[in-house]
């Protein structure tokens, strides 16, 4: 090959590098693969040079130009197949099972689901502001919050129940040899600051023969917006008129007494470290931290312990009369074996999504959770959804759309 031809080929390679750089910039701006290829081959310089030199197949296969083509073709071939990531935030109550689900689902599908357990209140706020793909809460969004979300996001928010759980009254009293028993009014008075000593007559009357210490009661509660707080304060509002009048219920309330801890783990930590303390946490956190927790007197007058069966019994009645939006509360439920501080936990889902890949990925995960995920509930101290509720959830999942169009997800 003469020097002129070598120079010409060098010029071609130089211009090809420019074309590749241009294509790479397009990739950074998420231009689809087919559009990039189409633009590249419409490059007039490229076409003219191919025509001018009339490359033979054997030459192309050995040229640096072809190597460059292969490199960027391999880069772009995975654009449409790249694994989508889903980002969620909210409740700490279901974090134990959600972390299990997300890990298992990634192993099965390769889909990464990132979840921040920052509390139900913060999760609801992020859903309203549109900074996450989904939220999570143990307390349903209020009508006011739903209206705000629709105004800002332009779509309804679906409540998809995932599992049921119990909120327990954990305490740190090493001297007790038997399980403490409490009723709703007594719990309300403790958290109102009206009962301040462990050997108060009202507690002694519920625990005959139990040697209660003459020590002050130290109350622990959540410091952040919390669905666990929503369930607990909803229960107190139902069993204590004074609590309902003075404090009420919600993800955040003005606590009359006590110290605050962030998340279920924060409250569990306070109880574990502070002798004489009492606080409310989700059952799984009490078990994980080896905390004692009280038997509670239910609406039927029986003292029951939080477990798979008693939480499921609390949900039995609600399952038959679920509202259309699935925002059901089951605190202080009727039934001999019903645990009184039980509740659903929900994933908060945009009914209409604008990213098709994420919409499809989320629908597939939700179906997996209903079909396979529920089986892991009991082993992690949650209760699975009743089958009738699962069916209702599946109907909601099938209503999720992409830009107003129905998703045909297999």
Protein backbone atom coordinates (compact mmCIF):
# COMPACT_ATOMS: atom_id res chain seq x y z
CA UNK A 1 0.00 0.00 0.00
CA UNK A 2 1.45 3.44 -0.99
CA UNK A 3 1.85 6.37 1.42
CA UNK A 4 -1.17 8.17 -0.05
CA UNK A 5 -3.43 5.18 0.65
CA UNK A 6 -2.06 4.89 4.18
CA UNK A 7 -2.80 8.56 4.80
CA UNK A 8 -6.29 8.15 3.43
CA UNK A 9 -6.95 5.19 5.74
CA UNK A 10 -5.58 7.17 8.67
CA UNK A 11 -8.01 9.96 7.88
CA UNK A 12 -10.84 7.44 7.73
CA UNK A 13 -9.92 6.06 11.15
CA UNK A 14 -9.67 9.56 12.61
CA UNK A 15 -13.13 10.43 11.35
CA UNK A 16 -14.47 7.10 12.55
CA UNK A 17 -13.21 7.92 16.07
CA UNK A 18 -15.15 11.17 15.88
CA UNK A 19 -18.24 9.27 14.83
CA UNK A 20 -17.79 6.80 17.69
CA UNK A 21 -17.35 9.66 20.18
CA UNK A 22 -20.54 11.21 18.86
CA UNK A 23 -22.34 7.92 19.31
CA UNK A 24 -21.02 7.52 22.85
CA UNK A 25 -22.36 10.96 23.74
CA UNK A 26 -25.74 9.90 22.44
CA UNK A 27 -25.56 6.80 24.62
CA UNK A 28 -24.95 8.97 27.69
CA UNK A 29 -28.19 10.77 26.91
CA UNK A 30 -30.02 7.40 26.73
CA UNK A 31 -30.66 7.42 22.99
CA UNK A 32 -32.05 4.03 21.94
CA UNK A 33 -29.82 1.56 20.18
CA UNK A 34 -31.70 1.45 16.90
CA UNK A 35 -31.69 5.24 16.53
CA UNK A 36 -27.94 5.34 17.16
CA UNK A 37 -27.20 2.70 14.55
CA UNK A 38 -29.47 4.39 12.04
CA UNK A 39 -27.74 7.73 12.57
CA UNK A 40 -24.30 6.20 12.30
CA UNK A 41 -24.98 4.56 8.98
CA UNK A 42 -26.56 7.75 7.63
CA UNK A 43 -23.25 9.51 8.22
CA UNK A 44 -22.44 10.86 4.74
CA UNK A 45 -18.69 10.73 5.29
CA UNK A 46 -18.89 7.09 6.28
CA UNK A 47 -20.98 6.17 3.24
CA UNK A 48 -18.79 8.11 0.84
CA UNK A 49 -15.62 6.50 2.14
CA UNK A 50 -17.14 3.03 1.86
CA UNK A 51 -18.15 3.73 -1.71
CA UNK A 52 -14.82 5.34 -2.57
CA UNK A 53 -12.68 2.45 -1.36
CA UNK A 54 -15.21 -0.30 -2.18
CA UNK A 55 -14.04 -2.34 0.76
CA UNK A 56 -13.94 -6.04 0.23
CA UNK A 57 -15.35 -8.39 2.89
CA UNK A 58 -11.91 -9.79 3.65
CA UNK A 59 -10.53 -6.32 4.26
CA UNK A 60 -13.41 -5.21 6.45
CA UNK A 61 -13.01 -8.27 8.64
CA UNK A 62 -9.40 -7.32 9.30
CA UNK A 63 -9.73 -3.54 9.56
CA UNK A 64 -9.60 -1.40 12.66
CA UNK A 65 -12.82 0.27 11.51
CA UNK A 66 -14.69 -3.00 11.83
CA UNK A 67 -13.15 -3.54 15.26
CA UNK A 68 -14.45 -0.15 16.36
CA UNK A 69 -17.90 -1.05 15.05
CA UNK A 70 -17.86 -4.29 16.99
CA UNK A 71 -16.87 -2.48 20.19
CA UNK A 72 -19.67 0.05 20.18
CA UNK A 73 -22.21 -2.44 18.84
CA UNK A 74 -21.46 -4.66 21.82
CA UNK A 75 -21.86 -1.66 24.13
CA UNK A 76 -25.28 -0.77 22.75
CA UNK A 77 -26.61 -4.28 22.30
CA UNK A 78 -27.50 -4.39 26.01
CA UNK A 79 -29.35 -1.05 26.17
CA UNK A 80 -32.85 -2.52 25.85
CA UNK A 81 -31.97 -5.54 27.98
CA UNK A 82 -30.31 -3.64 30.81
CA UNK A 83 -31.75 -4.67 34.20
CA UNK A 84 -34.02 -2.04 35.65
CA UNK A 85 -33.67 -1.00 39.28
CA UNK A 86 -36.60 -0.14 41.53
CA UNK A 87 -36.27 2.29 44.43
CA UNK A 88 -38.61 2.35 47.40
CA UNK A 89 -38.74 3.80 50.91
CA UNK A 90 -40.92 3.77 53.98
CA UNK A 91 -41.99 1.51 56.84
CA UNK A 92 -39.55 -0.24 59.17
CA UNK A 93 -42.36 -2.55 60.38
CA UNK A 94 -42.09 -4.91 57.33
CA UNK A 95 -38.36 -4.41 56.72
CA UNK A 96 -37.46 -7.89 57.99
CA UNK A 97 -39.61 -9.63 55.37
CA UNK A 98 -39.09 -7.03 52.62
CA UNK A 99 -35.32 -7.41 52.79
CA UNK A 100 -35.82 -11.18 52.49
CA UNK A 101 -38.16 -10.77 49.53
CA UNK A 102 -35.94 -8.33 47.67
CA UNK A 103 -32.89 -10.55 48.09
CA UNK A 104 -34.72 -13.68 46.91
CA UNK A 105 -36.29 -11.84 43.98
CA UNK A 106 -32.92 -10.56 42.83
CA UNK A 107 -31.52 -14.08 42.94
CA UNK A 108 -34.41 -15.35 40.81
CA UNK A 109 -34.68 -12.48 38.31
CA UNK A 110 -31.63 -10.24 38.57
CA UNK A 111 -33.87 -7.25 39.33
CA UNK A 112 -32.39 -4.98 42.01
CA UNK A 113 -34.89 -3.45 44.46
CA UNK A 114 -33.38 -0.80 46.71
CA UNK A 115 -35.37 -0.07 49.85
CA UNK A 116 -34.76 2.49 52.60
CA UNK A 117 -36.51 1.74 55.90
CA UNK A 118 -36.99 5.38 56.93
CA UNK A 119 -40.44 5.16 58.49
CA UNK A 120 -43.95 5.23 57.07
CA UNK A 121 -44.33 9.00 57.34
CA UNK A 122 -41.20 9.64 55.29
CA UNK A 123 -42.21 6.95 52.81
CA UNK A 124 -45.60 8.59 52.25
CA UNK A 125 -43.91 11.95 51.74
CA UNK A 126 -41.52 10.55 49.14
CA UNK A 127 -44.42 8.97 47.25
CA UNK A 128 -46.22 12.32 47.20
CA UNK A 129 -43.08 14.08 45.96
CA UNK A 130 -42.35 11.37 43.37
CA UNK A 131 -38.79 10.63 44.51
CA UNK A 132 -39.33 6.84 44.68
CA UNK A 133 -40.87 4.14 42.50
CA UNK A 134 -42.97 2.90 45.42
CA UNK A 135 -43.52 3.62 49.09
CA UNK A 136 -44.40 1.53 52.13
CA UNK A 137 -46.52 2.27 55.17
CA UNK A 138 -48.22 0.48 58.07
CA UNK A 139 -50.75 3.30 58.30
CA UNK A 140 -52.84 4.04 55.21
CA UNK A 141 -52.52 7.41 53.52
CA UNK A 142 -55.21 9.86 54.56
CA UNK A 143 -57.73 11.22 52.06
CA UNK A 144 -55.90 14.55 52.23
CA UNK A 145 -52.58 12.89 51.40
CA UNK A 146 -54.15 10.94 48.53
CA UNK A 147 -55.57 14.14 47.04
CA UNK A 148 -52.19 15.86 47.34
CA UNK A 149 -50.47 12.91 45.67
CA UNK A 150 -52.95 12.93 42.78
CA UNK A 151 -52.52 16.67 42.32
CA UNK A 152 -48.73 16.45 42.27
CA UNK A 153 -48.23 13.11 40.54
CA UNK A 154 -51.31 13.07 38.32
CA UNK A 155 -52.33 9.58 39.36
CA UNK A 156 -54.04 7.63 42.11
CA UNK A 157 -52.02 5.82 44.75
CA UNK A 158 -52.89 2.16 45.23
CA UNK A 159 -52.66 0.50 48.64
CA UNK A 160 -51.44 -3.09 48.21
CA UNK A 161 -51.43 -5.05 51.51
CA UNK A 162 -48.43 -7.38 51.72
CA UNK A 163 -48.47 -9.09 55.13
CA UNK A 164 -49.95 -8.69 58.61
CA UNK A 165 -48.05 -8.06 61.79
CA UNK A 166 -48.50 -7.51 65.50
CA UNK A 167 -47.28 -4.53 67.52
CA UNK A 168 -46.18 -5.70 70.96
CA UNK A 169 -45.58 -3.98 74.28
CA UNK A 170 -41.97 -4.91 75.03
CA UNK A 171 -40.50 -4.30 78.46
CA UNK A 172 -37.23 -4.66 80.33
CA UNK A 173 -37.95 -6.13 83.78
CA UNK A 174 -35.39 -8.88 84.51
CA UNK A 175 -36.93 -9.59 87.93
CA UNK A 176 -40.18 -10.90 86.42
CA UNK A 177 -40.41 -14.67 86.16
CA UNK A 178 -43.70 -14.71 84.24
CA UNK A 179 -45.12 -12.81 81.28
CA UNK A 180 -46.64 -9.44 82.11
CA UNK A 181 -50.35 -8.95 81.41
CA UNK A 182 -51.87 -5.60 80.41
CA UNK A 183 -55.20 -4.27 79.18
CA UNK A 184 -55.94 -1.35 76.89
CA UNK A 185 -56.90 1.19 79.57
CA UNK A 186 -53.76 0.45 81.59
CA UNK A 187 -51.52 0.76 78.53
CA UNK A 188 -53.23 4.07 77.71
CA UNK A 189 -52.63 5.39 81.23
CA UNK A 190 -48.95 4.35 81.11
CA UNK A 191 -48.42 6.25 77.85
CA UNK A 192 -50.43 9.21 79.16
CA UNK A 193 -48.09 9.38 82.15
CA UNK A 194 -50.86 8.57 84.64
CA UNK A 195 -49.27 5.29 85.74
CA UNK A 196 -45.65 5.94 86.60
CA UNK A 197 -44.58 3.00 88.81
CA UNK A 198 -44.38 -0.70 87.96
CA UNK A 199 -46.03 -1.76 91.21
CA UNK A 200 -49.06 0.48 90.61
CA UNK A 201 -52.27 -1.21 91.85
CA UNK A 202 -53.79 -1.17 88.35
CA UNK A 203 -50.91 -3.25 87.02
CA UNK A 204 -50.85 -5.50 90.11
CA UNK A 205 -54.56 -6.26 89.74
CA UNK A 206 -53.92 -7.61 86.24
CA UNK A 207 -50.96 -9.70 87.45
CA UNK A 208 -51.84 -11.44 90.75
CA UNK A 209 -48.86 -13.24 92.26
CA UNK A 210 -46.35 -11.41 90.06
CA UNK A 211 -43.64 -9.62 92.05
CA UNK A 212 -43.65 -6.21 90.37
CA UNK A 213 -40.72 -3.93 91.28
CA UNK A 214 -41.10 -0.60 93.03
CA UNK A 215 -39.42 1.20 90.15
CA UNK A 216 -40.39 4.03 87.80
CA UNK A 217 -41.74 3.22 84.36
CA UNK A 218 -39.67 4.61 81.49
CA UNK A 219 -41.72 4.95 78.29
CA UNK A 220 -40.14 4.52 74.85
CA UNK A 221 -41.88 5.59 71.64
CA UNK A 222 -41.06 6.47 68.04
CA UNK A 223 -39.45 9.80 67.25
CA UNK A 224 -40.11 9.59 63.50
CA UNK A 225 -43.28 9.39 61.43
CA UNK A 226 -44.27 5.77 61.80
CA UNK A 227 -46.91 3.33 60.65
CA UNK A 228 -46.18 1.28 63.75
CA UNK A 229 -47.15 4.37 65.75
CA UNK A 230 -50.29 4.67 63.61
CA UNK A 231 -51.36 1.13 64.50
CA UNK A 232 -50.49 1.55 68.19
CA UNK A 233 -52.17 4.96 68.63
CA UNK A 234 -55.20 3.78 66.64
CA UNK A 235 -55.54 0.94 69.16
CA UNK A 236 -55.14 3.33 72.12
CA UNK A 237 -57.77 5.66 70.67
CA UNK A 238 -60.16 2.72 70.52
CA UNK A 239 -59.60 1.48 74.07
CA UNK A 240 -58.94 4.74 75.95
CA UNK A 241 -61.35 7.68 75.70
CA UNK A 242 -58.84 9.97 77.36
CA UNK A 243 -56.15 9.03 74.85
CA UNK A 244 -58.55 9.59 71.96
CA UNK A 245 -59.47 13.01 73.35
CA UNK A 246 -56.00 14.24 74.35
CA UNK A 247 -53.70 12.63 71.78
CA UNK A 248 -55.53 10.76 69.02
CA UNK A 249 -53.85 8.64 66.37
CA UNK A 250 -51.53 9.10 63.43
CA UNK A 251 -48.04 8.37 62.13
CA UNK A 252 -46.82 11.18 64.40
CA UNK A 253 -48.45 12.39 67.61
CA UNK A 254 -47.50 14.62 70.53
CA UNK A 255 -46.37 12.06 73.09
CA UNK A 256 -47.27 13.07 76.66
CA UNK A 257 -44.26 11.24 78.14
CA UNK A 258 -41.24 9.16 77.18
CA UNK A 259 -38.10 9.02 75.09
CA UNK A 260 -38.10 8.70 71.31
CA UNK A 261 -36.20 6.22 69.17
CA UNK A 262 -35.91 6.24 65.39
CA UNK A 263 -37.44 3.23 63.70
CA UNK A 264 -38.51 -0.02 65.30
CA UNK A 265 -34.84 -0.80 65.78
CA UNK A 266 -34.34 2.48 67.69
CA UNK A 267 -37.18 1.78 70.13
CA UNK A 268 -36.04 -1.83 70.55
CA UNK A 269 -32.55 -0.53 71.34
CA UNK A 270 -33.88 1.86 73.99
CA UNK A 271 -35.84 -0.91 75.69
CA UNK A 272 -32.96 -3.36 75.58
CA UNK A 273 -30.54 -0.86 77.13
CA UNK A 274 -32.88 0.62 79.75
CA UNK A 275 -34.08 -1.43 82.70
CA UNK A 276 -37.61 -0.51 83.75
CA UNK A 277 -38.60 0.59 80.26
CA UNK A 278 -41.63 -0.26 78.14
CA UNK A 279 -42.32 0.54 74.50
CA UNK A 280 -44.06 -0.69 71.36
CA UNK A 281 -42.30 -2.47 68.50
CA UNK A 282 -43.24 -4.83 65.69
CA UNK A 283 -43.13 -8.46 66.85
CA UNK A 284 -40.16 -9.45 64.66
CA UNK A 285 -37.98 -6.78 66.29
CA UNK A 286 -38.91 -7.98 69.78
CA UNK A 287 -37.99 -11.55 68.85
CA UNK A 288 -34.74 -10.54 67.14
CA UNK A 289 -33.66 -8.50 70.16
CA UNK A 290 -34.83 -11.16 72.65
CA UNK A 291 -37.18 -8.72 74.37
CA UNK A 292 -40.01 -9.78 76.64
CA UNK A 293 -43.47 -8.65 75.55
CA UNK A 294 -46.82 -8.56 77.32
CA UNK A 295 -49.99 -10.53 76.82
CA UNK A 296 -52.82 -8.12 76.05
CA UNK A 297 -56.48 -8.36 76.99
CA UNK A 298 -58.52 -8.36 73.80
CA UNK A 299 -62.00 -7.13 73.02
CA UNK A 300 -63.49 -10.50 74.00
CA UNK A 301 -61.81 -10.30 77.43
CA UNK A 302 -59.03 -12.85 76.90
CA UNK A 303 -55.30 -12.29 77.41
CA UNK A 304 -53.53 -13.25 74.19
CA UNK A 305 -49.96 -13.28 72.98
CA UNK A 306 -48.96 -11.93 69.57
CA UNK A 307 -48.17 -14.74 67.16
CA UNK A 308 -49.03 -16.04 63.70
CA UNK A 309 -52.42 -17.42 64.75
CA UNK A 310 -53.67 -14.54 66.88
CA UNK A 311 -52.75 -11.90 64.28
CA UNK A 312 -54.39 -13.98 61.55
CA UNK A 313 -57.53 -14.28 63.66
CA UNK A 314 -57.65 -10.50 64.02
CA UNK A 315 -57.62 -10.21 60.21
CA UNK A 316 -60.32 -12.83 59.63
CA UNK A 317 -63.24 -10.45 60.09
CA UNK A 318 -61.68 -7.63 58.09
CA UNK A 319 -60.95 -9.98 55.19
CA UNK A 320 -64.68 -10.50 54.70
CA UNK A 321 -65.44 -6.78 54.63
CA UNK A 322 -62.42 -5.17 52.99
CA UNK A 323 -63.09 -1.68 51.58
CA UNK A 324 -62.52 -1.25 47.84
CA UNK A 325 -59.32 0.74 48.39
CA UNK A 326 -58.00 -1.96 50.80
CA UNK A 327 -57.29 0.60 53.55
CA UNK A 328 -58.57 -1.56 56.42
CA UNK A 329 -57.66 -1.25 60.11
CA UNK A 330 -57.97 -4.34 62.34
CA UNK A 331 -56.98 -3.02 65.78
CA UNK A 332 -59.06 -4.23 68.73
CA UNK A 333 -60.77 -6.80 66.51
CA UNK A 334 -63.50 -9.08 67.81
CA UNK A 335 -62.77 -12.75 68.47
CA UNK A 336 -61.60 -14.89 71.37
CA UNK A 337 -58.11 -15.43 69.89
CA UNK A 338 -57.64 -12.04 68.18
CA UNK A 339 -54.51 -10.11 69.10
CA UNK A 340 -55.68 -6.49 69.61
CA UNK A 341 -52.73 -4.53 68.14
CA UNK A 342 -52.60 -6.12 64.70
CA UNK A 343 -52.41 -4.46 61.33
CA UNK A 344 -51.80 -4.72 57.62
CA UNK A 345 -48.74 -3.16 56.04
CA UNK A 346 -49.06 -1.71 52.54
CA UNK A 347 -46.95 -0.97 49.49
CA UNK A 348 -47.94 2.39 48.00
CA UNK A 349 -48.00 2.13 44.22
CA UNK A 350 -48.60 4.69 41.48
CA UNK A 351 -51.59 3.41 39.52
CA UNK A 352 -50.30 5.02 36.32
CA UNK A 353 -46.55 4.93 35.72
CA UNK A 354 -44.49 6.72 33.07
CA UNK A 355 -41.55 4.35 32.81
CA UNK A 356 -42.64 1.15 31.10
CA UNK A 357 -39.64 -0.94 32.19
CA UNK A 358 -40.20 -0.02 35.84
CA UNK A 359 -43.95 -0.53 35.56
CA UNK A 360 -43.48 -4.04 34.16
CA UNK A 361 -40.78 -4.89 36.73
CA UNK A 362 -42.95 -3.68 39.61
CA UNK A 363 -46.02 -5.60 38.45
CA UNK A 364 -43.96 -8.78 38.13
CA UNK A 365 -42.52 -8.33 41.62
CA UNK A 366 -45.93 -7.69 43.17
CA UNK A 367 -47.27 -10.86 41.55
CA UNK A 368 -44.26 -12.78 42.87
CA UNK A 369 -44.90 -11.41 46.37
CA UNK A 370 -48.51 -12.59 46.29
CA UNK A 371 -47.71 -16.00 44.77
CA UNK A 372 -44.41 -16.89 46.46
CA UNK A 373 -43.45 -14.24 49.00
CA UNK A 374 -46.31 -14.92 51.40
CA UNK A 375 -44.82 -18.33 52.18
CA UNK A 376 -41.93 -16.64 54.08
CA UNK A 377 -44.19 -14.63 56.42
CA UNK A 378 -44.65 -17.01 59.34
CA UNK A 379 -40.95 -17.86 59.64
CA UNK A 380 -40.20 -14.14 60.02
CA UNK A 381 -42.97 -13.54 62.62
CA UNK A 382 -45.52 -12.04 60.25
CA UNK A 383 -48.85 -13.46 59.13
CA UNK A 384 -49.59 -14.03 55.44
CA UNK A 385 -52.59 -12.40 53.83
CA UNK A 386 -55.87 -14.33 53.77
CA UNK A 387 -56.50 -15.81 50.32
CA UNK A 388 -59.51 -13.57 49.80
CA UNK A 389 -57.31 -10.50 50.36
CA UNK A 390 -54.63 -11.84 47.99
CA UNK A 391 -57.28 -12.03 45.27
CA UNK A 392 -58.24 -8.40 45.88
CA UNK A 393 -54.57 -7.40 45.74
CA UNK A 394 -54.12 -9.16 42.40
CA UNK A 395 -57.02 -7.16 40.97
CA UNK A 396 -55.33 -3.93 42.08
CA UNK A 397 -51.99 -5.05 40.62
CA UNK A 398 -53.64 -5.79 37.27
CA UNK A 399 -55.04 -2.23 37.21
CA UNK A 400 -51.56 -0.64 37.04
CA UNK A 401 -51.05 1.18 33.74
CA UNK A 402 -48.26 2.75 31.67
CA UNK A 403 -49.15 6.22 30.35
CA UNK A 404 -52.81 5.30 30.63
CA UNK A 405 -52.46 2.04 28.71
CA UNK A 406 -53.06 -1.39 30.17
CA UNK A 407 -49.92 -3.45 30.77
CA UNK A 408 -49.90 -6.88 29.21
CA UNK A 409 -47.42 -8.44 31.59
CA UNK A 410 -46.86 -12.17 31.42
